[in-house]
Amino acid sequence: MTVWENMQKAEAAIQKLVIKLEKKRPYSLERIFNTLRSGSRKTQVVRSTSTANQNQHISITIKTAPNLSKNGQMSSLSGCFRQDL
């Protein structure tokens, strides 16, 4: 008789643990999804910033290109290569 009672108690304890796990599962999944959403948002910000920087670099290059052909010289970085020699 006591063996049967102990089995019933063990089964009840297992059932309680299963219920606890089932309650925690949606919370854990929600935390995982929130982390994924946050990472996705951060990635989007980095992409947009990178695109903006790239567009800015392109616009600066486009603005300076006509000056190169007018002056016949590049910026001070290429000062050692004189074209008038």
PDB file of N, CA and C in Angstrom:
ATOM      1  N   MET A   1       0.818  -1.194   0.000  1.00  0.00           N
ATOM      2  CA  MET A   1       0.000   0.000   0.000  1.00  0.00           C
ATOM      3  C   MET A   1       0.864   1.261   0.000  1.00  0.00           C
ATOM      4  N   THR A   2       1.921   1.285   0.782  1.00  0.00           N
ATOM      5  CA  THR A   2       2.772   2.468   0.819  1.00  0.00           C
ATOM      6  C   THR A   2       3.514   2.666  -0.494  1.00  0.00           C
ATOM      7  N   VAL A   3       3.832   1.583  -1.180  1.00  0.00           N
ATOM      8  CA  VAL A   3       4.496   1.704  -2.478  1.00  0.00           C
ATOM      9  C   VAL A   3       3.565   2.410  -3.446  1.00  0.00           C
ATOM     10  N   TRP A   4       2.303   2.028  -3.431  1.00  0.00           N
ATOM     11  CA  TRP A   4       1.325   2.663  -4.326  1.00  0.00           C
ATOM     12  C   TRP A   4       1.190   4.153  -4.000  1.00  0.00           C
ATOM     13  N   GLU A   5       1.159   4.493  -2.721  1.00  0.00           N
ATOM     14  CA  GLU A   5       1.062   5.895  -2.313  1.00  0.00           C
ATOM     15  C   GLU A   5       2.297   6.688  -2.745  1.00  0.00           C
ATOM     16  N   ASN A   6       3.468   6.080  -2.579  1.00  0.00           N
ATOM     17  CA  ASN A   6       4.694   6.756  -3.004  1.00  0.00           C
ATOM     18  C   ASN A   6       4.706   6.969  -4.518  1.00  0.00           C
ATOM     19  N   MET A   7       4.207   6.003  -5.247  1.00  0.00           N
ATOM     20  CA  MET A   7       4.123   6.139  -6.710  1.00  0.00           C
ATOM     21  C   MET A   7       3.179   7.278  -7.081  1.00  0.00           C
ATOM     22  N   GLN A   8       2.066   7.371  -6.386  1.00  0.00           N
ATOM     23  CA  GLN A   8       1.106   8.443  -6.656  1.00  0.00           C
ATOM     24  C   GLN A   8       1.728   9.808  -6.352  1.00  0.00           C
ATOM     25  N   LYS A   9       2.457   9.900  -5.246  1.00  0.00           N
ATOM     26  CA  LYS A   9       3.114  11.156  -4.887  1.00  0.00           C
ATOM     27  C   LYS A   9       4.170  11.527  -5.928  1.00  0.00           C
ATOM     28  N   ALA A  10       4.937  10.542  -6.371  1.00  0.00           N
ATOM     29  CA  ALA A  10       5.972  10.800  -7.371  1.00  0.00           C
ATOM     30  C   ALA A  10       5.343  11.267  -8.684  1.00  0.00           C
ATOM     31  N   GLU A  11       4.264  10.626  -9.084  1.00  0.00           N
ATOM     32  CA  GLU A  11       3.573  11.030 -10.316  1.00  0.00           C
ATOM     33  C   GLU A  11       3.003  12.442 -10.189  1.00  0.00           C
ATOM     34  N   ALA A  12       2.476  12.780  -9.022  1.00  0.00           N
ATOM     35  CA  ALA A  12       1.954  14.128  -8.804  1.00  0.00           C
ATOM     36  C   ALA A  12       3.087  15.157  -8.859  1.00  0.00           C
ATOM     37  N   ALA A  13       4.230  14.818  -8.288  1.00  0.00           N
ATOM     38  CA  ALA A  13       5.376  15.729  -8.327  1.00  0.00           C
ATOM     39  C   ALA A  13       5.859  15.918  -9.762  1.00  0.00           C
ATOM     40  N   ILE A  14       5.898  14.834 -10.514  1.00  0.00           N
ATOM     41  CA  ILE A  14       6.297  14.923 -11.924  1.00  0.00           C
ATOM     42  C   ILE A  14       5.315  15.790 -12.695  1.00  0.00           C
ATOM     43  N   GLN A  15       4.046  15.604 -12.433  1.00  0.00           N
ATOM     44  CA  GLN A  15       3.021  16.396 -13.122  1.00  0.00           C
ATOM     45  C   GLN A  15       3.170  17.884 -12.799  1.00  0.00           C
ATOM     46  N   LYS A  16       3.475  18.206 -11.549  1.00  0.00           N
ATOM     47  CA  LYS A  16       3.689  19.606 -11.176  1.00  0.00           C
ATOM     48  C   LYS A  16       4.884  20.193 -11.920  1.00  0.00           C
ATOM     49  N   LEU A  17       5.960  19.404 -12.029  1.00  0.00           N
ATOM     50  CA  LEU A  17       7.137  19.874 -12.758  1.00  0.00           C
ATOM     51  C   LEU A  17       6.828  20.093 -14.239  1.00  0.00           C
ATOM     52  N   VAL A  18       6.044  19.204 -14.813  1.00  0.00           N
ATOM     53  CA  VAL A  18       5.661  19.349 -16.221  1.00  0.00           C
ATOM     54  C   VAL A  18       4.858  20.629 -16.415  1.00  0.00           C
ATOM     55  N   ILE A  19       3.951  20.901 -15.504  1.00  0.00           N
ATOM     56  CA  ILE A  19       3.133  22.120 -15.600  1.00  0.00           C
ATOM     57  C   ILE A  19       4.021  23.358 -15.470  1.00  0.00           C
ATOM     58  N   LYS A  20       4.993  23.326 -14.545  1.00  0.00           N
ATOM     59  CA  LYS A  20       5.912  24.458 -14.398  1.00  0.00           C
ATOM     60  C   LYS A  20       6.699  24.691 -15.683  1.00  0.00           C
ATOM     61  N   LEU A  21       7.186  23.605 -16.269  1.00  0.00           N
ATOM     62  CA  LEU A  21       7.947  23.735 -17.513  1.00  0.00           C
ATOM     63  C   LEU A  21       7.086  24.287 -18.641  1.00  0.00           C
ATOM     64  N   GLU A  22       5.848  23.836 -18.722  1.00  0.00           N
ATOM     65  CA  GLU A  22       4.951  24.332 -19.771  1.00  0.00           C
ATOM     66  C   GLU A  22       4.662  25.818 -19.591  1.00  0.00           C
ATOM     67  N   LYS A  23       4.611  26.276 -18.341  1.00  0.00           N
ATOM     68  CA  LYS A  23       4.397  27.702 -18.094  1.00  0.00           C
ATOM     69  C   LYS A  23       5.638  28.514 -18.448  1.00  0.00           C
ATOM     70  N   LYS A  24       6.823  27.963 -18.184  1.00  0.00           N
ATOM     71  CA  LYS A  24       8.059  28.684 -18.456  1.00  0.00           C
ATOM     72  C   LYS A  24       8.407  28.697 -19.941  1.00  0.00           C
ATOM     73  N   ARG A  25       7.966  27.728 -20.688  1.00  0.00           N
ATOM     74  CA  ARG A  25       8.325  27.628 -22.098  1.00  0.00           C
ATOM     75  C   ARG A  25       7.919  28.862 -22.901  1.00  0.00           C
ATOM     76  N   PRO A  26       6.677  29.343 -22.808  1.00  0.00           N
ATOM     77  CA  PRO A  26       6.335  30.550 -23.580  1.00  0.00           C
ATOM     78  C   PRO A  26       7.159  31.765 -23.162  1.00  0.00           C
ATOM     79  N   TYR A  27       7.462  31.878 -21.890  1.00  0.00           N
ATOM     80  CA  TYR A  27       8.275  32.996 -21.410  1.00  0.00           C
ATOM     81  C   TYR A  27       9.678  32.924 -22.020  1.00  0.00           C
ATOM     82  N   SER A  28      10.250  31.731 -22.022  1.00  0.00           N
ATOM     83  CA  SER A  28      11.584  31.558 -22.600  1.00  0.00           C
ATOM     84  C   SER A  28      11.569  31.835 -24.090  1.00  0.00           C
ATOM     85  N   LEU A  29      10.559  31.352 -24.776  1.00  0.00           N
ATOM     86  CA  LEU A  29      10.460  31.609 -26.212  1.00  0.00           C
ATOM     87  C   LEU A  29      10.296  33.095 -26.486  1.00  0.00           C
ATOM     88  N   GLU A  30       9.531  33.769 -25.664  1.00  0.00           N
ATOM     89  CA  GLU A  30       9.339  35.209 -25.841  1.00  0.00           C
ATOM     90  C   GLU A  30      10.662  35.948 -25.645  1.00  0.00           C
ATOM     91  N   ARG A  31      11.437  35.534 -24.661  1.00  0.00           N
ATOM     92  CA  ARG A  31      12.754  36.157 -24.451  1.00  0.00           C
ATOM     93  C   ARG A  31      13.660  35.929 -25.653  1.00  0.00           C
ATOM     94  N   ILE A  32      13.635  34.728 -26.197  1.00  0.00           N
ATOM     95  CA  ILE A  32      14.457  34.431 -27.370  1.00  0.00           C
ATOM     96  C   ILE A  32      14.021  35.288 -28.548  1.00  0.00           C
ATOM     97  N   PHE A  33      12.717  35.384 -28.778  1.00  0.00           N
ATOM     98  CA  PHE A  33      12.217  36.191 -29.893  1.00  0.00           C
ATOM     99  C   PHE A  33      12.542  37.667 -29.695  1.00  0.00           C
ATOM    100  N   ASN A  34      12.464  38.162 -28.467  1.00  0.00           N
ATOM    101  CA  ASN A  34      12.827  39.557 -28.197  1.00  0.00           C
ATOM    102  C   ASN A  34      14.300  39.807 -28.506  1.00  0.00           C
ATOM    103  N   THR A  35      15.142  38.853 -28.143  1.00  0.00           N
ATOM    104  CA  THR A  35      16.567  38.981 -28.445  1.00  0.00           C
ATOM    105  C   THR A  35      16.796  39.006 -29.948  1.00  0.00           C
ATOM    106  N   LEU A  36      16.093  38.136 -30.674  1.00  0.00           N
ATOM    107  CA  LEU A  36      16.228  38.112 -32.130  1.00  0.00           C
ATOM    108  C   LEU A  36      15.740  39.411 -32.751  1.00  0.00           C
ATOM    109  N   ARG A  37      14.625  39.933 -32.259  1.00  0.00           N
ATOM    110  CA  ARG A  37      14.104  41.201 -32.784  1.00  0.00           C
ATOM    111  C   ARG A  37      15.086  42.340 -32.522  1.00  0.00           C
ATOM    112  N   SER A  38      15.650  42.355 -31.331  1.00  0.00           N
ATOM    113  CA  SER A  38      16.616  43.394 -30.984  1.00  0.00           C
ATOM    114  C   SER A  38      17.841  43.311 -31.892  1.00  0.00           C
ATOM    115  N   GLY A  39      18.323  42.115 -32.120  1.00  0.00           N
ATOM    116  CA  GLY A  39      19.460  41.936 -33.023  1.00  0.00           C
ATOM    117  C   GLY A  39      19.130  42.354 -34.436  1.00  0.00           C
ATOM    118  N   SER A  40      17.914  42.059 -34.866  1.00  0.00           N
ATOM    119  CA  SER A  40      17.485  42.457 -36.207  1.00  0.00           C
ATOM    120  C   SER A  40      17.437  43.972 -36.330  1.00  0.00           C
ATOM    121  N   ARG A  41      16.923  44.641 -35.289  1.00  0.00           N
ATOM    122  CA  ARG A  41      16.874  46.112 -35.307  1.00  0.00           C
ATOM    123  C   ARG A  41      18.278  46.707 -35.352  1.00  0.00           C
ATOM    124  N   LYS A  42      19.182  46.165 -34.557  1.00  0.00           N
ATOM    125  CA  LYS A  42      20.557  46.665 -34.543  1.00  0.00           C
ATOM    126  C   LYS A  42      21.213  46.458 -35.905  1.00  0.00           C
ATOM    127  N   THR A  43      20.963  45.318 -36.518  1.00  0.00           N
ATOM    128  CA  THR A  43      21.513  45.048 -37.843  1.00  0.00           C
ATOM    129  C   THR A  43      20.987  46.045 -38.854  1.00  0.00           C
ATOM    130  N   GLN A  44      19.711  46.346 -38.788  1.00  0.00           N
ATOM    131  CA  GLN A  44      19.115  47.309 -39.714  1.00  0.00           C
ATOM    132  C   GLN A  44      19.731  48.691 -39.530  1.00  0.00           C
ATOM    133  N   VAL A  45      19.981  49.092 -38.284  1.00  0.00           N
ATOM    134  CA  VAL A  45      20.605  50.393 -38.026  1.00  0.00           C
ATOM    135  C   VAL A  45      22.015  50.425 -38.614  1.00  0.00           C
ATOM    136  N   VAL A  46      22.768  49.352 -38.416  1.00  0.00           N
ATOM    137  CA  VAL A  46      24.127  49.303 -38.953  1.00  0.00           C
ATOM    138  C   VAL A  46      24.098  49.361 -40.471  1.00  0.00           C
ATOM    139  N   ARG A  47      23.166  48.638 -41.081  1.00  0.00           N
ATOM    140  CA  ARG A  47      23.060  48.660 -42.548  1.00  0.00           C
ATOM    141  C   ARG A  47      22.720  50.051 -43.061  1.00  0.00           C
ATOM    142  N   SER A  48      21.765  50.699 -42.432  1.00  0.00           N
ATOM    143  CA  SER A  48      21.372  52.026 -42.905  1.00  0.00           C
ATOM    144  C   SER A  48      22.500  53.030 -42.698  1.00  0.00           C
ATOM    145  N   THR A  49      23.217  52.927 -41.586  1.00  0.00           N
ATOM    146  CA  THR A  49      24.354  53.812 -41.345  1.00  0.00           C
ATOM    147  C   THR A  49      25.451  53.571 -42.375  1.00  0.00           C
ATOM    148  N   SER A  50      25.708  52.311 -42.659  1.00  0.00           N
ATOM    149  CA  SER A  50      26.727  51.971 -43.645  1.00  0.00           C
ATOM    150  C   SER A  50      26.345  52.495 -45.021  1.00  0.00           C
ATOM    151  N   THR A  51      25.085  52.344 -45.393  1.00  0.00           N
ATOM    152  CA  THR A  51      24.610  52.840 -46.683  1.00  0.00           C
ATOM    153  C   THR A  51      24.717  54.354 -46.744  1.00  0.00           C
ATOM    154  N   ALA A  52      24.374  55.030 -45.663  1.00  0.00           N
ATOM    155  CA  ALA A  52      24.461  56.490 -45.637  1.00  0.00           C
ATOM    156  C   ALA A  52      25.912  56.942 -45.780  1.00  0.00           C
ATOM    157  N   ASN A  53      26.826  56.278 -45.080  1.00  0.00           N
ATOM    158  CA  ASN A  53      28.244  56.628 -45.191  1.00  0.00           C
ATOM    159  C   ASN A  53      28.765  56.379 -46.597  1.00  0.00           C
ATOM    160  N   GLN A  54      28.327  55.282 -47.188  1.00  0.00           N
ATOM    161  CA  GLN A  54      28.753  54.962 -48.549  1.00  0.00           C
ATOM    162  C   GLN A  54      28.212  56.002 -49.528  1.00  0.00           C
ATOM    163  N   ASN A  55      26.966  56.383 -49.373  1.00  0.00           N
ATOM    164  CA  ASN A  55      26.383  57.399 -50.246  1.00  0.00           C
ATOM    165  C   ASN A  55      27.094  58.737 -50.075  1.00  0.00           C
ATOM    166  N   GLN A  56      27.448  59.073 -48.849  1.00  0.00           N
ATOM    167  CA  GLN A  56      28.169  60.321 -48.596  1.00  0.00           C
ATOM    168  C   GLN A  56      29.540  60.282 -49.269  1.00  0.00           C
ATOM    169  N   HIS A  57      30.213  59.154 -49.181  1.00  0.00           N
ATOM    170  CA  HIS A  57      31.523  59.015 -49.812  1.00  0.00           C
ATOM    171  C   HIS A  57      31.403  59.143 -51.333  1.00  0.00           C
ATOM    172  N   ILE A  58      30.378  58.553 -51.898  1.00  0.00           N
ATOM    173  CA  ILE A  58      30.155  58.641 -53.345  1.00  0.00           C
ATOM    174  C   ILE A  58      29.881  60.078 -53.750  1.00  0.00           C
ATOM    175  N   SER A  59      29.061  60.779 -52.980  1.00  0.00           N
ATOM    176  CA  SER A  59      28.746  62.166 -53.339  1.00  0.00           C
ATOM    177  C   SER A  59      29.985  63.054 -53.245  1.00  0.00           C
ATOM    178  N   ILE A  60      30.847  62.817 -52.264  1.00  0.00           N
ATOM    179  CA  ILE A  60      32.092  63.585 -52.156  1.00  0.00           C
ATOM    180  C   ILE A  60      32.987  63.285 -53.351  1.00  0.00           C
ATOM    181  N   THR A  61      33.061  62.036 -53.751  1.00  0.00           N
ATOM    182  CA  THR A  61      33.874  61.658 -54.903  1.00  0.00           C
ATOM    183  C   THR A  61      33.346  62.309 -56.170  1.00  0.00           C
ATOM    184  N   ILE A  62      32.041  62.326 -56.323  1.00  0.00           N
ATOM    185  CA  ILE A  62      31.435  62.945 -57.506  1.00  0.00           C
ATOM    186  C   ILE A  62      31.712  64.442 -57.521  1.00  0.00           C
ATOM    187  N   LYS A  63      31.688  65.077 -56.354  1.00  0.00           N
ATOM    188  CA  LYS A  63      31.946  66.518 -56.287  1.00  0.00           C
ATOM    189  C   LYS A  63      33.409  66.846 -56.579  1.00  0.00           C
ATOM    190  N   THR A  64      34.335  65.996 -56.156  1.00  0.00           N
ATOM    191  CA  THR A  64      35.755  66.294 -56.347  1.00  0.00           C
ATOM    192  C   THR A  64      36.277  65.855 -57.706  1.00  0.00           C
ATOM    193  N   ALA A  65      35.597  64.971 -58.402  1.00  0.00           N
ATOM    194  CA  ALA A  65      36.064  64.484 -59.702  1.00  0.00           C
ATOM    195  C   ALA A  65      36.208  65.604 -60.725  1.00  0.00           C
ATOM    196  N   PRO A  66      35.270  66.527 -60.872  1.00  0.00           N
ATOM    197  CA  PRO A  66      35.465  67.616 -61.847  1.00  0.00           C
ATOM    198  C   PRO A  66      36.661  68.495 -61.504  1.00  0.00           C
ATOM    199  N   ASN A  67      36.951  68.692 -60.246  1.00  0.00           N
ATOM    200  CA  ASN A  67      38.106  69.494 -59.845  1.00  0.00           C
ATOM    201  C   ASN A  67      39.415  68.846 -60.279  1.00  0.00           C
ATOM    202  N   LEU A  68      39.462  67.538 -60.283  1.00  0.00           N
ATOM    203  CA  LEU A  68      40.672  66.850 -60.709  1.00  0.00           C
ATOM    204  C   LEU A  68      40.964  67.133 -62.176  1.00  0.00           C
ATOM    205  N   SER A  69      39.935  67.090 -63.001  1.00  0.00           N
ATOM    206  CA  SER A  69      40.166  67.317 -64.424  1.00  0.00           C
ATOM    207  C   SER A  69      40.458  68.787 -64.716  1.00  0.00           C
ATOM    208  N   LYS A  70      39.903  69.697 -63.947  1.00  0.00           N
ATOM    209  CA  LYS A  70      40.164  71.131 -64.145  1.00  0.00           C
ATOM    210  C   LYS A  70      41.591  71.486 -63.746  1.00  0.00           C
ATOM    211  N   ASN A  71      42.000  71.051 -62.579  1.00  0.00           N
ATOM    212  CA  ASN A  71      43.301  71.423 -62.043  1.00  0.00           C
ATOM    213  C   ASN A  71      44.431  70.578 -62.610  1.00  0.00           C
ATOM    214  N   GLY A  72      44.120  69.388 -63.022  1.00  0.00           N
ATOM    215  CA  GLY A  72      45.161  68.484 -63.475  1.00  0.00           C
ATOM    216  C   GLY A  72      45.976  67.912 -62.336  1.00  0.00           C
ATOM    217  N   GLN A  73      45.552  68.154 -61.123  1.00  0.00           N
ATOM    218  CA  GLN A  73      46.274  67.648 -59.961  1.00  0.00           C
ATOM    219  C   GLN A  73      45.302  66.962 -59.012  1.00  0.00           C
ATOM    220  N   MET A  74      45.856  66.051 -58.274  1.00  0.00           N
ATOM    221  CA  MET A  74      45.062  65.394 -57.249  1.00  0.00           C
ATOM    222  C   MET A  74      45.324  66.086 -55.925  1.00  0.00           C
ATOM    223  N   SER A  75      44.813  65.580 -54.886  1.00  0.00           N
ATOM    224  CA  SER A  75      44.968  66.201 -53.574  1.00  0.00           C
ATOM    225  C   SER A  75      46.414  66.132 -53.115  1.00  0.00           C
ATOM    226  N   SER A  76      46.672  66.664 -51.948  1.00  0.00           N
ATOM    227  CA  SER A  76      48.033  66.730 -51.413  1.00  0.00           C
ATOM    228  C   SER A  76      48.628  65.351 -51.167  1.00  0.00           C
ATOM    229  N   LEU A  77      47.818  64.336 -51.153  1.00  0.00           N
ATOM    230  CA  LEU A  77      48.340  62.991 -50.949  1.00  0.00           C
ATOM    231  C   LEU A  77      49.219  62.558 -52.113  1.00  0.00           C
ATOM    232  N   SER A  78      48.982  63.115 -53.279  1.00  0.00           N
ATOM    233  CA  SER A  78      49.767  62.728 -54.448  1.00  0.00           C
ATOM    234  C   SER A  78      50.740  63.828 -54.848  1.00  0.00           C
ATOM    235  N   GLY A  79      51.176  64.639 -53.919  1.00  0.00           N
ATOM    236  CA  GLY A  79      52.054  65.770 -54.193  1.00  0.00           C
ATOM    237  C   GLY A  79      53.401  65.376 -54.766  1.00  0.00           C
ATOM    238  N   CYS A  80      53.846  64.151 -54.530  1.00  0.00           N
ATOM    239  CA  CYS A  80      55.147  63.753 -55.040  1.00  0.00           C
ATOM    240  C   CYS A  80      55.103  63.411 -56.526  1.00  0.00           C
ATOM    241  N   PHE A  81      53.944  63.270 -57.091  1.00  0.00           N
ATOM    242  CA  PHE A  81      53.807  62.958 -58.510  1.00  0.00           C
ATOM    243  C   PHE A  81      53.401  64.222 -59.251  1.00  0.00           C
ATOM    244  N   ARG A  82      54.347  64.979 -59.658  1.00  0.00           N
ATOM    245  CA  ARG A  82      54.042  66.232 -60.358  1.00  0.00           C
ATOM    246  C   ARG A  82      53.809  65.937 -61.824  1.00  0.00           C
ATOM    247  N   GLN A  83      52.798  66.560 -62.385  1.00  0.00           N
ATOM    248  CA  GLN A  83      52.446  66.313 -63.778  1.00  0.00           C
ATOM    249  C   GLN A  83      53.100  67.313 -64.723  1.00  0.00           C
ATOM    250  N   ASP A  84      53.666  68.387 -64.239  1.00  0.00           N
ATOM    251  CA  ASP A  84      54.207  69.406 -65.123  1.00  0.00           C
ATOM    252  C   ASP A  84      55.662  69.146 -65.496  1.00  0.00           C
ATOM    253  N   LEU A  85      56.249  68.054 -65.066  1.00  0.00           N
ATOM    254  CA  LEU A  85      57.635  67.749 -65.419  1.00  0.00           C
ATOM    255  C   LEU A  85      57.741  67.001 -66.705  1.00  0.00           C
TER     256      LEU A  85
END
